[in-house]
C-alpha atoms as a PDB file:
ATOM      1  CA  UNK A   1     -65.419  51.624  26.002  1.00  0.00           C
ATOM      2  CA  UNK A   2     -63.075  48.943  24.476  1.00  0.00           C
ATOM      3  CA  UNK A   3     -64.571  46.002  22.835  1.00  0.00           C
ATOM      4  CA  UNK A   4     -61.409  43.983  22.038  1.00  0.00           C
ATOM      5  CA  UNK A   5     -58.041  43.360  23.747  1.00  0.00           C
ATOM      6  CA  UNK A   6     -54.613  42.065  22.794  1.00  0.00           C
ATOM      7  CA  UNK A   7     -53.550  38.825  24.638  1.00  0.00           C
ATOM      8  CA  UNK A   8     -50.358  36.946  24.520  1.00  0.00           C
ATOM      9  CA  UNK A   9     -50.349  33.159  23.930  1.00  0.00           C
ATOM     10  CA  UNK A  10     -47.656  30.618  24.314  1.00  0.00           C
ATOM     11  CA  UNK A  11     -48.538  28.439  21.375  1.00  0.00           C
ATOM     12  CA  UNK A  12     -45.619  25.910  21.181  1.00  0.00           C
ATOM     13  CA  UNK A  13     -41.825  25.707  22.220  1.00  0.00           C
ATOM     14  CA  UNK A  14     -40.168  29.031  21.298  1.00  0.00           C
ATOM     15  CA  UNK A  15     -43.535  30.311  19.761  1.00  0.00           C
ATOM     16  CA  UNK A  16     -45.466  33.222  21.249  1.00  0.00           C
ATOM     17  CA  UNK A  17     -48.175  35.174  19.515  1.00  0.00           C
ATOM     18  CA  UNK A  18     -50.288  38.201  20.323  1.00  0.00           C
ATOM     19  CA  UNK A  19     -53.885  37.768  19.313  1.00  0.00           C
ATOM     20  CA  UNK A  20     -56.690  40.288  19.294  1.00  0.00           C
ATOM     21  CA  UNK A  21     -59.949  38.775  20.943  1.00  0.00           C
ATOM     22  CA  UNK A  22     -63.322  40.222  21.887  1.00  0.00           C
ATOM     23  CA  UNK A  23     -63.605  41.325  25.569  1.00  0.00           C
ATOM     24  CA  UNK A  24     -66.102  39.507  27.506  1.00  0.00           C
ATOM     25  CA  UNK A  25     -68.932  41.478  28.989  1.00  0.00           C
ATOM     26  CA  UNK A  26     -68.507  43.092  32.484  1.00  0.00           C
ATOM     27  CA  UNK A  27     -70.940  41.146  34.782  1.00  0.00           C
ATOM     28  CA  UNK A  28     -72.264  42.554  37.988  1.00  0.00           C
ATOM     29  CA  UNK A  29     -69.738  42.756  40.779  1.00  0.00           C
ATOM     30  CA  UNK A  30     -66.867  42.993  38.312  1.00  0.00           C
ATOM     31  CA  UNK A  31     -64.841  45.801  36.683  1.00  0.00           C
ATOM     32  CA  UNK A  32     -62.797  46.278  33.473  1.00  0.00           C
ATOM     33  CA  UNK A  33     -59.152  47.268  33.745  1.00  0.00           C
ATOM     34  CA  UNK A  34     -56.728  48.464  31.177  1.00  0.00           C
ATOM     35  CA  UNK A  35     -53.224  47.296  31.497  1.00  0.00           C
ATOM     36  CA  UNK A  36     -50.433  49.839  31.789  1.00  0.00           C
ATOM     37  CA  UNK A  37     -47.457  47.354  32.231  1.00  0.00           C
ATOM     38  CA  UNK A  38     -46.703  43.790  32.934  1.00  0.00           C
ATOM     39  CA  UNK A  39     -43.570  42.066  34.052  1.00  0.00           C
ATOM     40  CA  UNK A  40     -42.090  38.917  32.562  1.00  0.00           C
ATOM     41  CA  UNK A  41     -41.128  36.350  35.181  1.00  0.00           C
ATOM     42  CA  UNK A  42     -37.964  34.859  33.439  1.00  0.00           C
ATOM     43  CA  UNK A  43     -37.709  31.693  35.420  1.00  0.00           C
ATOM     44  CA  UNK A  44     -41.194  30.466  35.044  1.00  0.00           C
ATOM     45  CA  UNK A  45     -42.045  31.956  31.633  1.00  0.00           C
ATOM     46  CA  UNK A  46     -38.729  30.523  29.930  1.00  0.00           C
ATOM     47  CA  UNK A  47     -39.918  27.089  31.069  1.00  0.00           C
ATOM     48  CA  UNK A  48     -43.067  27.677  29.137  1.00  0.00           C
ATOM     49  CA  UNK A  49     -41.283  29.322  26.209  1.00  0.00           C
ATOM     50  CA  UNK A  50     -38.866  26.356  25.903  1.00  0.00           C
ATOM     51  CA  UNK A  51     -41.409  23.642  26.437  1.00  0.00           C
ATOM     52  CA  UNK A  52     -39.937  22.512  29.761  1.00  0.00           C
ATOM     53  CA  UNK A  53     -43.008  23.033  32.035  1.00  0.00           C
ATOM     54  CA  UNK A  54     -44.579  19.855  33.628  1.00  0.00           C
ATOM     55  CA  UNK A  55     -47.835  18.754  32.099  1.00  0.00           C
ATOM     56  CA  UNK A  56     -51.169  17.660  33.671  1.00  0.00           C
ATOM     57  CA  UNK A  57     -51.258  20.427  36.376  1.00  0.00           C
ATOM     58  CA  UNK A  58     -52.735  23.886  36.696  1.00  0.00           C
ATOM     59  CA  UNK A  59     -50.676  26.900  35.989  1.00  0.00           C
ATOM     60  CA  UNK A  60     -51.431  28.196  39.504  1.00  0.00           C
ATOM     61  CA  UNK A  61     -54.308  26.655  41.590  1.00  0.00           C
ATOM     62  CA  UNK A  62     -54.270  29.819  43.845  1.00  0.00           C
ATOM     63  CA  UNK A  63     -54.818  32.376  41.112  1.00  0.00           C
ATOM     64  CA  UNK A  64     -58.180  32.203  39.242  1.00  0.00           C
ATOM     65  CA  UNK A  65     -56.723  33.865  36.052  1.00  0.00           C
ATOM     66  CA  UNK A  66     -54.079  31.088  35.824  1.00  0.00           C
ATOM     67  CA  UNK A  67     -56.366  28.111  36.533  1.00  0.00           C
ATOM     68  CA  UNK A  68     -55.889  26.591  33.108  1.00  0.00           C
ATOM     69  CA  UNK A  69     -53.639  23.487  32.610  1.00  0.00           C
ATOM     70  CA  UNK A  70     -49.976  23.983  31.571  1.00  0.00           C
ATOM     71  CA  UNK A  71     -50.591  23.112  27.980  1.00  0.00           C
ATOM     72  CA  UNK A  72     -50.389  25.041  24.682  1.00  0.00           C
ATOM     73  CA  UNK A  73     -51.855  27.399  23.734  1.00  0.00           C
ATOM     74  CA  UNK A  74     -51.588  29.082  27.085  1.00  0.00           C
ATOM     75  CA  UNK A  75     -52.024  32.688  28.219  1.00  0.00           C
ATOM     76  CA  UNK A  76     -49.607  33.335  31.177  1.00  0.00           C
ATOM     77  CA  UNK A  77     -48.122  36.041  33.304  1.00  0.00           C
ATOM     78  CA  UNK A  78     -48.889  37.173  36.767  1.00  0.00           C
ATOM     79  CA  UNK A  79     -47.588  40.686  37.280  1.00  0.00           C
ATOM     80  CA  UNK A  80     -49.880  43.355  35.711  1.00  0.00           C
ATOM     81  CA  UNK A  81     -50.601  47.065  36.728  1.00  0.00           C
ATOM     82  CA  UNK A  82     -53.802  48.428  35.333  1.00  0.00           C
ATOM     83  CA  UNK A  83     -56.293  51.391  35.517  1.00  0.00           C
ATOM     84  CA  UNK A  84     -59.947  50.567  36.136  1.00  0.00           C
ATOM     85  CA  UNK A  85     -61.848  51.973  33.141  1.00  0.00           C
ATOM     86  CA  UNK A  86     -65.395  50.529  33.742  1.00  0.00           C
ATOM     87  CA  UNK A  87     -67.487  49.202  36.640  1.00  0.00           C
ATOM     88  CA  UNK A  88     -70.190  46.442  36.616  1.00  0.00           C
ATOM     89  CA  UNK A  89     -73.335  46.763  38.488  1.00  0.00           C
ATOM     90  CA  UNK A  90     -72.843  46.796  42.294  1.00  0.00           C
ATOM     91  CA  UNK A  91     -69.081  47.787  42.186  1.00  0.00           C
ATOM     92  CA  UNK A  92     -68.514  50.994  44.424  1.00  0.00           C
ATOM     93  CA  UNK A  93     -67.782  54.163  42.349  1.00  0.00           C
ATOM     94  CA  UNK A  94     -64.378  54.594  44.340  1.00  0.00           C
ATOM     95  CA  UNK A  95     -62.844  51.836  42.059  1.00  0.00           C
ATOM     96  CA  UNK A  96     -63.252  54.094  38.886  1.00  0.00           C
ATOM     97  CA  UNK A  97     -59.885  55.225  37.612  1.00  0.00           C
ATOM     98  CA  UNK A  98     -57.950  53.437  40.472  1.00  0.00           C
ATOM     99  CA  UNK A  99     -54.511  51.968  39.681  1.00  0.00           C
ATOM    100  CA  UNK A 100     -54.338  48.282  40.649  1.00  0.00           C
ATOM    101  CA  UNK A 101     -52.157  45.395  40.815  1.00  0.00           C
ATOM    102  CA  UNK A 102     -53.460  42.130  39.426  1.00  0.00           C
ATOM    103  CA  UNK A 103     -52.206  38.406  39.058  1.00  0.00           C
ATOM    104  CA  UNK A 104     -53.222  38.483  35.493  1.00  0.00           C
ATOM    105  CA  UNK A 105     -51.676  37.213  32.094  1.00  0.00           C
ATOM    106  CA  UNK A 106     -50.175  39.474  29.618  1.00  0.00           C
ATOM    107  CA  UNK A 107     -52.993  41.281  28.051  1.00  0.00           C
ATOM    108  CA  UNK A 108     -54.269  44.806  27.273  1.00  0.00           C
ATOM    109  CA  UNK A 109     -57.587  44.519  29.213  1.00  0.00           C
ATOM    110  CA  UNK A 110     -58.980  42.107  31.726  1.00  0.00           C
ATOM    111  CA  UNK A 111     -62.224  41.668  33.757  1.00  0.00           C
ATOM    112  CA  UNK A 112     -61.912  40.803  37.388  1.00  0.00           C
ATOM    113  CA  UNK A 113     -63.635  41.267  40.731  1.00  0.00           C
ATOM    114  CA  UNK A 114     -62.367  43.910  43.249  1.00  0.00           C
ATOM    115  CA  UNK A 115     -61.254  41.172  45.629  1.00  0.00           C
ATOM    116  CA  UNK A 116     -58.804  39.953  42.953  1.00  0.00           C
ATOM    117  CA  UNK A 117     -57.024  43.499  42.777  1.00  0.00           C
ATOM    118  CA  UNK A 118     -54.556  45.186  44.921  1.00  0.00           C
ATOM    119  CA  UNK A 119     -54.833  49.132  44.909  1.00  0.00           C
ATOM    120  CA  UNK A 120     -51.425  50.547  44.521  1.00  0.00           C
ATOM    121  CA  UNK A 121     -50.149  52.408  47.603  1.00  0.00           C
ATOM    122  CA  UNK A 122     -49.881  56.139  46.935  1.00  0.00           C
ATOM    123  CA  UNK A 123     -45.910  56.083  46.936  1.00  0.00           C
ATOM    124  CA  UNK A 124     -45.576  53.077  44.530  1.00  0.00           C
ATOM    125  CA  UNK A 125     -45.283  53.680  40.821  1.00  0.00           C
ATOM    126  CA  UNK A 126     -46.751  51.188  38.188  1.00  0.00           C
ATOM    127  CA  UNK A 127     -43.197  50.146  37.313  1.00  0.00           C
ATOM    128  CA  UNK A 128     -42.477  49.476  40.901  1.00  0.00           C
ATOM    129  CA  UNK A 129     -45.783  47.667  41.481  1.00  0.00           C
ATOM    130  CA  UNK A 130     -45.075  45.005  38.829  1.00  0.00           C
ATOM    131  CA  UNK A 131     -42.270  43.526  41.038  1.00  0.00           C
ATOM    132  CA  UNK A 132     -44.681  42.615  43.962  1.00  0.00           C
ATOM    133  CA  UNK A 133     -45.132  38.961  43.008  1.00  0.00           C
ATOM    134  CA  UNK A 134     -41.308  38.515  42.876  1.00  0.00           C
ATOM    135  CA  UNK A 135     -40.898  40.580  46.178  1.00  0.00           C
ATOM    136  CA  UNK A 136     -43.549  38.414  47.873  1.00  0.00           C
ATOM    137  CA  UNK A 137     -41.554  35.457  46.689  1.00  0.00           C
ATOM    138  CA  UNK A 138     -38.314  36.893  48.202  1.00  0.00           C
ATOM    139  CA  UNK A 139     -40.188  37.452  51.498  1.00  0.00           C
ATOM    140  CA  UNK A 140     -41.426  34.016  51.569  1.00  0.00           C
ATOM    141  CA  UNK A 141     -37.977  32.663  51.079  1.00  0.00           C
ATOM    142  CA  UNK A 142     -36.504  34.740  53.762  1.00  0.00           C
ATOM    143  CA  UNK A 143     -39.459  33.547  56.213  1.00  0.00           C
ATOM    144  CA  UNK A 144     -38.745  29.918  55.404  1.00  0.00           C
ATOM    145  CA  UNK A 145     -35.080  30.179  55.504  1.00  0.00           C
ATOM    146  CA  UNK A 146     -35.025  32.077  58.927  1.00  0.00           C
ATOM    147  CA  UNK A 147     -31.554  33.614  58.638  1.00  0.00           C
ATOM    148  CA  UNK A 148     -29.964  34.283  62.081  1.00  0.00           C
ATOM    149  CA  UNK A 149     -27.517  36.907  63.323  1.00  0.00           C
ATOM    150  CA  UNK A 150     -23.995  36.253  62.466  1.00  0.00           C
ATOM    151  CA  UNK A 151     -24.742  33.385  59.920  1.00  0.00           C
ATOM    152  CA  UNK A 152     -22.800  32.887  56.585  1.00  0.00           C
ATOM    153  CA  UNK A 153     -25.404  32.987  53.719  1.00  0.00           C
ATOM    154  CA  UNK A 154     -24.964  32.179  49.997  1.00  0.00           C
ATOM    155  CA  UNK A 155     -27.657  32.853  47.293  1.00  0.00           C
ATOM    156  CA  UNK A 156     -27.241  30.972  44.112  1.00  0.00           C
ATOM    157  CA  UNK A 157     -28.891  32.831  41.188  1.00  0.00           C
ATOM    158  CA  UNK A 158     -29.052  36.565  40.986  1.00  0.00           C
ATOM    159  CA  UNK A 159     -32.133  36.837  38.613  1.00  0.00           C
ATOM    160  CA  UNK A 160     -34.778  39.204  39.793  1.00  0.00           C
ATOM    161  CA  UNK A 161     -36.065  36.960  42.611  1.00  0.00           C
ATOM    162  CA  UNK A 162     -32.458  36.311  43.636  1.00  0.00           C
ATOM    163  CA  UNK A 163     -31.601  40.007  43.602  1.00  0.00           C
ATOM    164  CA  UNK A 164     -34.605  40.890  45.784  1.00  0.00           C
ATOM    165  CA  UNK A 165     -33.812  38.169  48.092  1.00  0.00           C
ATOM    166  CA  UNK A 166     -30.256  39.135  48.413  1.00  0.00           C
ATOM    167  CA  UNK A 167     -31.548  42.768  49.140  1.00  0.00           C
ATOM    168  CA  UNK A 168     -33.832  41.562  52.002  1.00  0.00           C
ATOM    169  CA  UNK A 169     -31.010  39.411  53.457  1.00  0.00           C
ATOM    170  CA  UNK A 170     -28.612  42.403  53.388  1.00  0.00           C
ATOM    171  CA  UNK A 171     -30.800  44.009  55.973  1.00  0.00           C
ATOM    172  CA  UNK A 172     -29.871  41.112  58.467  1.00  0.00           C
ATOM    173  CA  UNK A 173     -26.693  41.381  60.640  1.00  0.00           C
ATOM    174  CA  UNK A 174     -24.980  38.425  58.682  1.00  0.00           C
ATOM    175  CA  UNK A 175     -21.339  37.582  58.921  1.00  0.00           C
ATOM    176  CA  UNK A 176     -21.142  37.146  55.170  1.00  0.00           C
ATOM    177  CA  UNK A 177     -23.622  37.413  52.369  1.00  0.00           C
ATOM    178  CA  UNK A 178     -22.269  35.702  49.191  1.00  0.00           C
ATOM    179  CA  UNK A 179     -24.172  36.146  45.918  1.00  0.00           C
ATOM    180  CA  UNK A 180     -23.343  33.716  43.041  1.00  0.00           C
ATOM    181  CA  UNK A 181     -24.339  34.193  39.357  1.00  0.00           C
ATOM    182  CA  UNK A 182     -22.495  33.492  36.029  1.00  0.00           C
ATOM    183  CA  UNK A 183     -23.373  37.087  34.639  1.00  0.00           C
ATOM    184  CA  UNK A 184     -21.385  40.101  35.475  1.00  0.00           C
ATOM    185  CA  UNK A 185     -24.351  42.317  35.251  1.00  0.00           C
ATOM    186  CA  UNK A 186     -26.335  40.627  37.858  1.00  0.00           C
ATOM    187  CA  UNK A 187     -23.346  40.236  40.164  1.00  0.00           C
ATOM    188  CA  UNK A 188     -22.752  43.954  40.045  1.00  0.00           C
ATOM    189  CA  UNK A 189     -26.494  44.456  41.002  1.00  0.00           C
ATOM    190  CA  UNK A 190     -26.122  42.080  43.786  1.00  0.00           C
ATOM    191  CA  UNK A 191     -23.214  44.069  45.239  1.00  0.00           C
ATOM    192  CA  UNK A 192     -25.265  47.273  44.891  1.00  0.00           C
ATOM    193  CA  UNK A 193     -27.949  45.756  46.726  1.00  0.00           C
ATOM    194  CA  UNK A 194     -25.875  44.703  49.676  1.00  0.00           C
ATOM    195  CA  UNK A 195     -23.973  41.523  49.000  1.00  0.00           C
ATOM    196  CA  UNK A 196     -20.510  41.517  50.764  1.00  0.00           C
ATOM    197  CA  UNK A 197     -19.166  39.442  47.672  1.00  0.00           C
ATOM    198  CA  UNK A 198     -20.514  38.374  44.331  1.00  0.00           C
ATOM    199  CA  UNK A 199     -18.770  35.606  42.374  1.00  0.00           C
ATOM    200  CA  UNK A 200     -19.396  33.394  39.421  1.00  0.00           C
ATOM    201  CA  UNK A 201     -20.304  29.792  40.232  1.00  0.00           C
ATOM    202  CA  UNK A 202     -16.957  28.474  38.743  1.00  0.00           C
ATOM    203  CA  UNK A 203     -14.850  30.684  40.802  1.00  0.00           C
ATOM    204  CA  UNK A 204     -12.271  28.578  42.731  1.00  0.00           C
ATOM    205  CA  UNK A 205     -12.464  30.933  45.754  1.00  0.00           C
ATOM    206  CA  UNK A 206     -16.121  30.311  46.649  1.00  0.00           C
ATOM    207  CA  UNK A 207     -15.554  27.860  49.519  1.00  0.00           C
ATOM    208  CA  UNK A 208     -12.766  30.188  50.816  1.00  0.00           C
ATOM    209  CA  UNK A 209     -15.120  33.173  50.913  1.00  0.00           C
ATOM    210  CA  UNK A 210     -17.222  31.219  53.532  1.00  0.00           C
ATOM    211  CA  UNK A 211     -14.535  31.065  56.247  1.00  0.00           C
ATOM    212  CA  UNK A 212     -12.920  27.899  54.940  1.00  0.00           C
ATOM    213  CA  UNK A 213     -10.358  27.897  57.770  1.00  0.00           C
ATOM    214  CA  UNK A 214     -13.032  28.456  60.458  1.00  0.00           C
ATOM    215  CA  UNK A 215     -14.444  25.849  62.762  1.00  0.00           C
ATOM    216  CA  UNK A 216     -17.783  26.808  61.072  1.00  0.00           C
ATOM    217  CA  UNK A 217     -16.483  26.515  57.559  1.00  0.00           C
ATOM    218  CA  UNK A 218     -19.117  26.725  54.843  1.00  0.00           C
ATOM    219  CA  UNK A 219     -22.560  28.431  54.598  1.00  0.00           C
ATOM    220  CA  UNK A 220     -24.936  28.173  57.498  1.00  0.00           C
ATOM    221  CA  UNK A 221     -27.615  28.875  54.934  1.00  0.00           C
ATOM    222  CA  UNK A 222     -27.575  28.522  51.165  1.00  0.00           C
ATOM    223  CA  UNK A 223     -30.510  29.595  48.987  1.00  0.00           C
ATOM    224  CA  UNK A 224     -30.842  27.922  45.564  1.00  0.00           C
ATOM    225  CA  UNK A 225     -32.692  30.354  43.396  1.00  0.00           C
ATOM    226  CA  UNK A 226     -30.962  29.859  39.991  1.00  0.00           C
ATOM    227  CA  UNK A 227     -33.569  27.737  38.296  1.00  0.00           C
ATOM    228  CA  UNK A 228     -30.826  25.224  37.348  1.00  0.00           C
ATOM    229  CA  UNK A 229     -31.112  21.894  39.006  1.00  0.00           C
ATOM    230  CA  UNK A 230     -27.317  21.381  38.584  1.00  0.00           C
ATOM    231  CA  UNK A 231     -26.770  24.204  40.781  1.00  0.00           C
ATOM    232  CA  UNK A 232     -28.205  22.083  43.749  1.00  0.00           C
ATOM    233  CA  UNK A 233     -24.984  20.206  43.972  1.00  0.00           C
ATOM    234  CA  UNK A 234     -23.036  23.408  44.282  1.00  0.00           C
ATOM    235  CA  UNK A 235     -25.372  24.579  47.025  1.00  0.00           C
ATOM    236  CA  UNK A 236     -25.018  21.470  48.919  1.00  0.00           C
ATOM    237  CA  UNK A 237     -21.112  21.586  48.549  1.00  0.00           C
ATOM    238  CA  UNK A 238     -21.018  25.145  49.777  1.00  0.00           C
ATOM    239  CA  UNK A 239     -23.199  24.367  52.832  1.00  0.00           C
ATOM    240  CA  UNK A 240     -21.475  23.529  56.241  1.00  0.00           C
ATOM    241  CA  UNK A 241     -22.147  20.878  58.808  1.00  0.00           C
ATOM    242  CA  UNK A 242     -25.701  21.048  59.902  1.00  0.00           C
ATOM    243  CA  UNK A 243     -26.633  23.767  57.497  1.00  0.00           C
ATOM    244  CA  UNK A 244     -29.725  24.555  55.630  1.00  0.00           C
ATOM    245  CA  UNK A 245     -30.278  24.555  51.833  1.00  0.00           C
ATOM    246  CA  UNK A 246     -33.513  26.350  50.817  1.00  0.00           C
ATOM    247  CA  UNK A 247     -34.651  25.467  47.335  1.00  0.00           C
ATOM    248  CA  UNK A 248     -36.781  27.973  45.810  1.00  0.00           C
ATOM    249  CA  UNK A 249     -36.046  27.260  42.224  1.00  0.00           C
ATOM    250  CA  UNK A 250     -38.902  25.679  40.031  1.00  0.00           C
ATOM    251  CA  UNK A 251     -37.110  23.185  37.644  1.00  0.00           C
ATOM    252  CA  UNK A 252     -40.032  22.284  35.781  1.00  0.00           C
ATOM    253  CA  UNK A 253     -39.220  19.085  33.710  1.00  0.00           C
ATOM    254  CA  UNK A 254     -35.334  19.815  33.987  1.00  0.00           C
ATOM    255  CA  UNK A 255     -33.339  17.339  36.103  1.00  0.00           C
ATOM    256  CA  UNK A 256     -29.977  16.699  37.260  1.00  0.00           C
ATOM    257  CA  UNK A 257     -28.177  13.879  39.276  1.00  0.00           C
ATOM    258  CA  UNK A 258     -27.325  14.901  42.782  1.00  0.00           C
ATOM    259  CA  UNK A 259     -24.175  14.031  44.837  1.00  0.00           C
ATOM    260  CA  UNK A 260     -25.711  12.891  48.095  1.00  0.00           C
ATOM    261  CA  UNK A 261     -23.261  10.142  48.924  1.00  0.00           C
ATOM    262  CA  UNK A 262     -20.403  12.074  50.590  1.00  0.00           C
ATOM    263  CA  UNK A 263     -20.526  15.646  52.059  1.00  0.00           C
ATOM    264  CA  UNK A 264     -24.284  15.765  52.116  1.00  0.00           C
ATOM    265  CA  UNK A 265     -24.838  12.417  53.817  1.00  0.00           C
ATOM    266  CA  UNK A 266     -22.224  13.073  56.587  1.00  0.00           C
ATOM    267  CA  UNK A 267     -23.116  16.837  57.194  1.00  0.00           C
ATOM    268  CA  UNK A 268     -26.610  16.350  58.677  1.00  0.00           C
ATOM    269  CA  UNK A 269     -27.977  19.422  56.553  1.00  0.00           C
ATOM    270  CA  UNK A 270     -31.462  20.072  55.772  1.00  0.00           C
ATOM    271  CA  UNK A 271     -33.099  20.673  52.331  1.00  0.00           C
ATOM    272  CA  UNK A 272     -36.115  23.207  52.652  1.00  0.00           C
ATOM    273  CA  UNK A 273     -38.747  23.430  49.989  1.00  0.00           C
ATOM    274  CA  UNK A 274     -40.102  26.869  49.654  1.00  0.00           C
ATOM    275  CA  UNK A 275     -42.949  27.999  47.376  1.00  0.00           C
ATOM    276  CA  UNK A 276     -44.890  31.250  47.534  1.00  0.00           C
ATOM    277  CA  UNK A 277     -48.396  29.977  46.609  1.00  0.00           C
ATOM    278  CA  UNK A 278     -48.956  28.706  50.065  1.00  0.00           C
ATOM    279  CA  UNK A 279     -47.953  30.047  53.591  1.00  0.00           C
ATOM    280  CA  UNK A 280     -45.675  27.369  55.169  1.00  0.00           C
ATOM    281  CA  UNK A 281     -47.384  25.445  57.989  1.00  0.00           C
ATOM    282  CA  UNK A 282     -45.250  27.112  60.802  1.00  0.00           C
ATOM    283  CA  UNK A 283     -46.456  30.594  59.885  1.00  0.00           C
ATOM    284  CA  UNK A 284     -50.375  29.955  59.448  1.00  0.00           C
ATOM    285  CA  UNK A 285     -51.184  30.769  63.023  1.00  0.00           C
ATOM    286  CA  UNK A 286     -50.391  34.540  62.586  1.00  0.00           C
ATOM    287  CA  UNK A 287     -49.785  34.908  58.933  1.00  0.00           C
ATOM    288  CA  UNK A 288     -51.984  34.798  55.849  1.00  0.00           C
ATOM    289  CA  UNK A 289     -51.381  35.861  52.221  1.00  0.00           C
ATOM    290  CA  UNK A 290     -52.639  39.512  52.788  1.00  0.00           C
ATOM    291  CA  UNK A 291     -50.279  39.998  55.558  1.00  0.00           C
ATOM    292  CA  UNK A 292     -47.142  38.603  53.574  1.00  0.00           C
ATOM    293  CA  UNK A 293     -48.259  40.881  50.599  1.00  0.00           C
ATOM    294  CA  UNK A 294     -48.292  43.964  52.726  1.00  0.00           C
ATOM    295  CA  UNK A 295     -44.673  43.282  53.939  1.00  0.00           C
ATOM    296  CA  UNK A 296     -43.908  42.900  50.132  1.00  0.00           C
ATOM    297  CA  UNK A 297     -45.277  46.412  49.386  1.00  0.00           C
ATOM    298  CA  UNK A 298     -43.275  47.842  52.247  1.00  0.00           C
ATOM    299  CA  UNK A 299     -40.253  46.135  50.895  1.00  0.00           C
ATOM    300  CA  UNK A 300     -40.805  47.466  47.436  1.00  0.00           C
ATOM    301  CA  UNK A 301     -40.931  51.070  48.807  1.00  0.00           C
ATOM    302  CA  UNK A 302     -37.688  50.492  50.523  1.00  0.00           C
ATOM    303  CA  UNK A 303     -35.743  48.640  47.791  1.00  0.00           C
ATOM    304  CA  UNK A 304     -37.136  50.590  44.734  1.00  0.00           C
ATOM    305  CA  UNK A 305     -36.543  47.652  42.143  1.00  0.00           C
ATOM    306  CA  UNK A 306     -37.724  49.609  39.077  1.00  0.00           C
ATOM    307  CA  UNK A 307     -34.040  50.310  38.617  1.00  0.00           C
ATOM    308  CA  UNK A 308     -33.576  46.647  37.876  1.00  0.00           C
ATOM    309  CA  UNK A 309     -35.539  47.151  34.491  1.00  0.00           C
ATOM    310  CA  UNK A 310     -33.317  46.698  31.556  1.00  0.00           C
ATOM    311  CA  UNK A 311     -35.679  46.365  28.728  1.00  0.00           C
ATOM    312  CA  UNK A 312     -39.183  47.637  27.948  1.00  0.00           C
ATOM    313  CA  UNK A 313     -41.074  46.103  24.891  1.00  0.00           C
ATOM    314  CA  UNK A 314     -44.452  46.792  23.529  1.00  0.00           C
ATOM    315  CA  UNK A 315     -46.655  43.846  23.869  1.00  0.00           C
ATOM    316  CA  UNK A 316     -46.708  43.486  20.004  1.00  0.00           C
ATOM    317  CA  UNK A 317     -42.933  42.654  20.241  1.00  0.00           C
ATOM    318  CA  UNK A 318     -43.355  39.927  22.766  1.00  0.00           C
ATOM    319  CA  UNK A 319     -41.546  37.303  20.462  1.00  0.00           C
ATOM    320  CA  UNK A 320     -38.524  39.685  20.590  1.00  0.00           C
ATOM    321  CA  UNK A 321     -38.488  39.918  24.238  1.00  0.00           C
ATOM    322  CA  UNK A 322     -38.602  36.114  24.890  1.00  0.00           C
ATOM    323  CA  UNK A 323     -35.816  35.533  22.134  1.00  0.00           C
ATOM    324  CA  UNK A 324     -33.647  38.082  23.975  1.00  0.00           C
ATOM    325  CA  UNK A 325     -34.067  36.234  27.177  1.00  0.00           C
ATOM    326  CA  UNK A 326     -33.360  32.770  25.601  1.00  0.00           C
ATOM    327  CA  UNK A 327     -30.341  34.021  23.539  1.00  0.00           C
ATOM    328  CA  UNK A 328     -28.888  36.788  25.527  1.00  0.00           C
ATOM    329  CA  UNK A 329     -29.668  36.480  29.231  1.00  0.00           C
ATOM    330  CA  UNK A 330     -26.608  38.080  30.359  1.00  0.00           C
ATOM    331  CA  UNK A 331     -27.834  41.380  28.894  1.00  0.00           C
ATOM    332  CA  UNK A 332     -31.131  41.373  30.938  1.00  0.00           C
ATOM    333  CA  UNK A 333     -32.420  41.676  34.458  1.00  0.00           C
ATOM    334  CA  UNK A 334     -36.045  42.608  34.297  1.00  0.00           C
ATOM    335  CA  UNK A 335     -38.071  42.898  31.031  1.00  0.00           C
ATOM    336  CA  UNK A 336     -41.306  44.804  30.874  1.00  0.00           C
ATOM    337  CA  UNK A 337     -44.359  44.673  28.373  1.00  0.00           C
ATOM    338  CA  UNK A 338     -45.698  48.168  27.742  1.00  0.00           C
ATOM    339  CA  UNK A 339     -49.440  49.032  26.575  1.00  0.00           C
ATOM    340  CA  UNK A 340     -50.838  52.057  24.946  1.00  0.00           C
ATOM    341  CA  UNK A 341     -51.678  54.707  27.390  1.00  0.00           C
ATOM    342  CA  UNK A 342     -55.195  54.888  28.910  1.00  0.00           C
ATOM    343  CA  UNK A 343     -57.364  57.590  27.403  1.00  0.00           C
END
C-alpha cells in the first residue's frame, strides 16, 4: 500500500509546487483512495494563483477537506475522481475498488470517510465525473434565476460553468439565449451547446440581439458568470425594465465601479446573489444538497461535458497548467490533472 503522496500547494502569487508527503494512517471508519484525475476550476483557482483571494476566511466552510484559511501555503481543488484502494476498520467491503468522486484538493492519494464520497453512476466516466461540482453550480444558478418560458436570457462568461449553464438554459423554451465571451473558442462551444447567438462583449449588436425594438427590449434575465467585476456593468446595461441579474461570479479581491445612477436606478431590476455552497432559502423545504447533486449527475449524463477538456497535464507539470491559464486563456476550456494508473 502507498505510504507517500504527491500534493499540489499554492505557495505564493504565481507559484505552485508539488510536494511529496507521508500519507496519514487510515483510521477506523475511513478509507484510502488513489486519484485518477482532478479538474482545475479556472475561476477560483486563478484567484489563488494570482493572489487575488480574500483573506481571513476558510476556503470552503461546507467541505472538510477545504476547511483551512485562504492563506499560503494552501492545498486546493475540489473535483477529484479516485479509486478506493484500502479500507479502515469498520468500512464495508463493498467500497473496495469503487470509483468515487470527492471534493478533495489536487493530490495523488487522500483519506476520507465514505459519507464524504459519491460513487460514480455506472454510465459516468471518470473524466465526466470531474465536472460534477461545476454542473452542480450551473444547476444552482438555474434554480436561483428561475428562467421562464419565452424569456430573453443573456449569459456573460463562457468558461466551464458558463458553458454548462448555457447548456441547461438551452433546454428551456426561451425566446433568445445569448452567450457572451471574448474568446472565439468558448463562443463556438456556446453555440454547440444550444445558444442562439454567441458574441464578444464589445460587439455593437449586443443590445439589438435582445429585441431592441420590442416593447420588451433588453434581457429578462442576465447571468453574470465571467469572474470579471467590470462585466456587471454590461450585465446591467443589457437587462431590461424589471429584469433580473444573477451574479454567480466570485470576484475575490477584484473590484470595479458600478454605474447605478441611470438605467439601473429607473429600471427596477433585481440583483440576485447565487452561490452553490448553500441551498437558497426558498428551496430548503423540498431540496437539500444531495437532491441537487443527483440532478447534476443526471445533467452530466445528458450534456457529456468531457468533450470540453482541452488540456491534460500530469500533476508534476501543474506549474505549466496554471501558467497556460494565466497567459493563454483563449486556448483553454477545461484543464485536467492526470495521475499514475492504479495498480
